[in-house]
């Protein structure tokens, strides 16, 4: 009987490959986790530092350096990061080298509430604390505002963020006790009375048309109030 040595070689090579892969997999599972590496997604402006994120991970799992990849509760680590009010999303994983990595997406502030309590309103209309590490340049929010009732000022701030004219000009959003909105613009002295946010797009277009004409006529500094609450017209009072 003729022995097929090529078949034997292939079989031995396959067995050897399986053994090596099994050994590598077993060794990889037993590999201890290293110090966390933090990657921030999106903006380079850090409201929370890499050290702060690392500390959150370590505090939640202080013995992580003595754990293997299989023993680490990655979902629990992600949840610990998401509890931080500056973090919008987080993904925690361990790579093949045993490095604990966290990819972090910060919240985006779009307005800053001023008063006894100061905080940001984020891009989803939620609360975001101020940061000692970085200050975002966004419109101020003043007046009758609380963490529990941010909806109207959020709508106005969101409109400001998404309109190039408003984003350039609006420096303050004010909400009075009747929940009516007014604005202050950059380099002007008058108050823009928006009122309710009904027909907001139309009101903004009326403001743009008024602003262009008053700039052309060089009369911007002659007004005390610019009222947008009336249909198809802008009602102004002079200084």
Protein backbone atom coordinates (compact mmCIF):
# COMPACT_ATOMS: atom_id res chain seq x y z
CA UNK A 1 0.00 0.00 0.00
CA UNK A 2 1.42 3.35 -1.06
CA UNK A 3 1.51 5.95 1.70
CA UNK A 4 0.33 9.44 0.73
CA UNK A 5 2.90 11.58 2.55
CA UNK A 6 1.38 14.81 1.25
CA UNK A 7 -1.92 13.93 2.93
CA UNK A 8 -0.11 13.18 6.21
CA UNK A 9 1.78 16.51 6.03
CA UNK A 10 -1.44 18.46 5.45
CA UNK A 11 -3.17 16.67 8.32
CA UNK A 12 -0.30 17.30 10.71
CA UNK A 13 -0.17 20.96 9.67
CA UNK A 14 -3.90 21.33 10.31
CA UNK A 15 -3.61 19.71 13.75
CA UNK A 16 -0.61 21.90 14.60
CA UNK A 17 -2.52 25.04 13.51
CA UNK A 18 -5.52 24.12 15.69
CA UNK A 19 -3.24 23.54 18.70
CA UNK A 20 -1.45 26.87 18.20
CA UNK A 21 -4.76 28.77 17.80
CA UNK A 22 -6.22 27.08 20.88
CA UNK A 23 -3.12 27.95 22.89
CA UNK A 24 -3.21 31.60 21.69
CA UNK A 25 -6.91 31.90 22.47
CA UNK A 26 -6.45 30.43 25.94
CA UNK A 27 -3.47 32.69 26.61
CA UNK A 28 -5.36 35.73 25.33
CA UNK A 29 -8.29 35.02 27.65
CA UNK A 30 -5.92 34.80 30.62
CA UNK A 31 -4.11 38.04 29.71
CA UNK A 32 -4.50 40.68 32.43
CA UNK A 33 -6.03 44.02 31.53
CA UNK A 34 -3.72 47.04 31.23
CA UNK A 35 -4.21 50.68 32.19
CA UNK A 36 -7.21 52.31 30.41
CA UNK A 37 -6.67 54.21 27.16
CA UNK A 38 -9.25 56.92 26.45
CA UNK A 39 -10.26 58.18 23.00
CA UNK A 40 -12.65 61.12 22.61
CA UNK A 41 -14.82 61.13 19.51
CA UNK A 42 -15.86 64.30 17.70
CA UNK A 43 -14.75 67.61 19.21
CA UNK A 44 -11.26 68.28 20.55
CA UNK A 45 -12.66 70.55 23.27
CA UNK A 46 -12.57 68.41 26.38
CA UNK A 47 -15.11 69.14 29.10
CA UNK A 48 -13.97 66.00 30.91
CA UNK A 49 -10.33 64.86 30.87
CA UNK A 50 -8.84 61.48 30.03
CA UNK A 51 -7.71 61.15 33.67
CA UNK A 52 -11.26 61.76 34.88
CA UNK A 53 -12.62 59.06 32.57
CA UNK A 54 -9.87 56.64 33.67
CA UNK A 55 -10.73 57.35 37.30
CA UNK A 56 -14.39 56.57 36.64
CA UNK A 57 -13.40 53.20 35.19
CA UNK A 58 -11.00 52.41 38.02
CA UNK A 59 -13.46 53.45 40.73
CA UNK A 60 -16.08 51.14 39.25
CA UNK A 61 -13.60 48.24 38.99
CA UNK A 62 -10.66 49.00 41.35
CA UNK A 63 -9.19 45.51 40.90
CA UNK A 64 -9.34 45.57 37.09
CA UNK A 65 -5.54 45.13 36.73
CA UNK A 66 -5.82 41.70 38.36
CA UNK A 67 -8.68 40.59 36.12
CA UNK A 68 -8.64 38.79 32.80
CA UNK A 69 -10.59 39.98 29.78
CA UNK A 70 -13.25 37.36 30.42
CA UNK A 71 -13.79 38.47 34.02
CA UNK A 72 -14.22 42.17 33.23
CA UNK A 73 -17.77 43.56 33.17
CA UNK A 74 -17.51 45.80 30.11
CA UNK A 75 -21.21 46.68 30.09
CA UNK A 76 -20.97 47.74 33.74
CA UNK A 77 -18.00 49.96 32.89
CA UNK A 78 -19.92 51.58 30.05
CA UNK A 79 -22.87 52.25 32.34
CA UNK A 80 -20.58 53.86 34.91
CA UNK A 81 -19.35 56.31 32.25
CA UNK A 82 -22.87 57.07 31.00
CA UNK A 83 -23.86 58.15 34.51
CA UNK A 84 -21.51 61.11 34.13
CA UNK A 85 -23.60 64.14 33.04
CA UNK A 86 -20.92 65.30 30.56
CA UNK A 87 -20.89 62.05 28.59
CA UNK A 88 -23.39 61.33 25.82
CA UNK A 89 -22.20 57.88 24.77
CA UNK A 90 -19.39 55.45 25.61
CA UNK A 91 -18.05 52.14 24.34
CA UNK A 92 -15.63 50.13 26.48
CA UNK A 93 -13.70 47.11 25.20
CA UNK A 94 -10.43 45.21 25.59
CA UNK A 95 -8.27 44.74 22.48
CA UNK A 96 -6.18 41.71 21.57
CA UNK A 97 -3.19 43.07 23.50
CA UNK A 98 -5.20 43.29 26.72
CA UNK A 99 -5.55 47.08 26.61
CA UNK A 100 -8.73 48.43 28.20
CA UNK A 101 -10.04 51.10 25.83
CA UNK A 102 -12.92 53.57 26.14
CA UNK A 103 -14.34 55.56 23.24
CA UNK A 104 -16.18 58.55 24.67
CA UNK A 105 -18.61 60.98 23.04
CA UNK A 106 -19.19 64.13 25.08
CA UNK A 107 -22.44 66.06 25.25
CA UNK A 108 -22.62 69.20 23.08
CA UNK A 109 -23.66 72.39 24.93
CA UNK A 110 -25.78 74.86 22.94
CA UNK A 111 -26.67 77.41 25.66
CA UNK A 112 -25.55 78.37 29.15
CA UNK A 113 -28.07 79.10 31.90
CA UNK A 114 -27.07 82.00 34.16
CA UNK A 115 -28.43 82.54 37.66
CA UNK A 116 -28.06 81.03 41.12
CA UNK A 117 -27.46 77.72 39.36
CA UNK A 118 -25.32 77.81 36.25
CA UNK A 119 -25.23 74.96 33.77
CA UNK A 120 -25.36 74.15 30.07
CA UNK A 121 -28.30 72.98 28.01
CA UNK A 122 -27.05 70.21 25.73
CA UNK A 123 -28.01 69.50 22.10
CA UNK A 124 -30.76 67.10 23.25
CA UNK A 125 -32.33 69.62 25.62
CA UNK A 126 -30.88 68.08 28.77
CA UNK A 127 -28.80 69.27 31.71
CA UNK A 128 -25.02 69.44 31.43
CA UNK A 129 -22.81 70.84 34.22
CA UNK A 130 -20.16 73.48 33.66
CA UNK A 131 -16.60 72.25 33.24
CA UNK A 132 -13.49 73.42 35.03
CA UNK A 133 -11.50 72.17 32.06
CA UNK A 134 -13.15 74.03 29.16
CA UNK A 135 -15.78 76.75 28.63
CA UNK A 136 -17.91 76.71 25.49
CA UNK A 137 -18.91 79.99 23.86
CA UNK A 138 -22.68 79.70 23.56
CA UNK A 139 -25.62 82.10 24.12
CA UNK A 140 -26.52 82.88 27.72
CA UNK A 141 -29.98 82.00 29.03
CA UNK A 142 -31.50 84.28 31.69
CA UNK A 143 -34.82 84.80 33.46
CA UNK A 144 -37.26 82.22 34.80
CA UNK A 145 -35.41 79.01 33.95
CA UNK A 146 -35.03 75.74 35.86
CA UNK A 147 -33.59 72.30 35.10
CA UNK A 148 -37.12 70.90 35.08
CA UNK A 149 -38.47 73.36 32.47
CA UNK A 150 -35.93 73.76 29.70
CA UNK A 151 -38.14 72.98 26.72
CA UNK A 152 -38.81 76.51 25.42
CA UNK A 153 -35.31 77.89 25.88
CA UNK A 154 -33.97 74.68 24.35
CA UNK A 155 -36.17 75.15 21.27
CA UNK A 156 -34.92 78.73 20.92
CA UNK A 157 -31.28 77.73 21.47
CA UNK A 158 -31.64 74.90 18.94
CA UNK A 159 -33.01 77.37 16.38
CA UNK A 160 -30.06 79.69 17.07
CA UNK A 161 -27.58 76.83 16.59
CA UNK A 162 -29.04 75.87 13.22
CA UNK A 163 -29.43 79.33 11.70
CA UNK A 164 -26.27 81.12 10.51
CA UNK A 165 -27.70 84.62 11.14
CA UNK A 166 -28.95 83.83 14.66
CA UNK A 167 -25.79 81.91 15.52
CA UNK A 168 -23.68 84.93 14.63
CA UNK A 169 -25.90 87.54 16.31
CA UNK A 170 -27.68 86.09 19.37
CA UNK A 171 -25.79 86.42 22.64
CA UNK A 172 -28.65 86.01 25.13
CA UNK A 173 -32.00 84.22 25.35
CA UNK A 174 -34.36 85.48 28.04
CA UNK A 175 -37.50 83.73 29.32
CA UNK A 176 -39.89 85.76 31.49
CA UNK A 177 -42.35 84.52 34.12
CA UNK A 178 -45.03 84.07 31.43
CA UNK A 179 -42.66 81.86 29.40
CA UNK A 180 -42.28 84.45 26.64
CA UNK A 181 -38.93 84.66 24.88
CA UNK A 182 -36.78 87.67 24.02
CA UNK A 183 -33.29 87.97 22.56
CA UNK A 184 -30.27 90.23 22.77
CA UNK A 185 -28.05 90.60 19.73
CA UNK A 186 -24.35 91.26 19.37
CA UNK A 187 -23.35 94.93 19.03
CA UNK A 188 -26.92 96.24 19.28
CA UNK A 189 -28.77 97.83 22.22
CA UNK A 190 -32.35 96.83 21.46
CA UNK A 191 -34.35 93.89 22.80
CA UNK A 192 -35.86 91.47 20.29
CA UNK A 193 -39.28 90.36 21.57
CA UNK A 194 -40.09 86.93 20.16
CA UNK A 195 -42.98 86.12 22.52
CA UNK A 196 -44.23 82.59 22.07
CA UNK A 197 -42.36 80.26 19.74
CA UNK A 198 -45.32 79.82 17.40
CA UNK A 199 -44.40 80.67 13.80
CA UNK A 200 -40.78 81.02 14.90
CA UNK A 201 -39.34 80.59 11.40
CA UNK A 202 -41.52 83.42 10.09
CA UNK A 203 -40.53 85.65 13.01
CA UNK A 204 -36.85 84.99 12.37
CA UNK A 205 -37.26 85.84 8.68
CA UNK A 206 -38.94 89.11 9.65
CA UNK A 207 -36.04 89.87 11.99
CA UNK A 208 -33.51 89.21 9.24
CA UNK A 209 -35.32 91.51 6.84
CA UNK A 210 -35.50 94.27 9.48
CA UNK A 211 -31.82 93.83 10.38
CA UNK A 212 -30.67 94.09 6.75
CA UNK A 213 -32.71 97.24 6.15
CA UNK A 214 -31.71 98.92 9.44
CA UNK A 215 -28.06 98.10 8.79
CA UNK A 216 -28.29 99.61 5.31
CA UNK A 217 -30.03 102.72 6.73
CA UNK A 218 -27.56 102.88 9.64
CA UNK A 219 -30.43 103.01 12.15
CA UNK A 220 -29.74 99.91 14.28
CA UNK A 221 -28.79 102.00 17.32
CA UNK A 222 -31.98 104.06 17.16
CA UNK A 223 -34.25 101.34 18.54
CA UNK A 224 -35.11 100.21 22.06
CA UNK A 225 -37.28 97.19 21.20
CA UNK A 226 -37.97 95.15 18.08
CA UNK A 227 -41.23 93.23 18.44
CA UNK A 228 -41.81 90.15 16.27
CA UNK A 229 -45.17 89.11 17.75
CA UNK A 230 -47.30 90.68 15.00
CA UNK A 231 -48.10 89.02 11.67
CA UNK A 232 -46.16 90.19 8.63
CA UNK A 233 -44.59 93.17 10.37
CA UNK A 234 -41.94 94.21 12.84
CA UNK A 235 -43.05 96.76 15.40
CA UNK A 236 -40.22 98.87 16.82
CA UNK A 237 -39.92 101.45 19.57
CA UNK A 238 -37.17 104.04 19.42
CA UNK A 239 -34.79 105.08 22.18
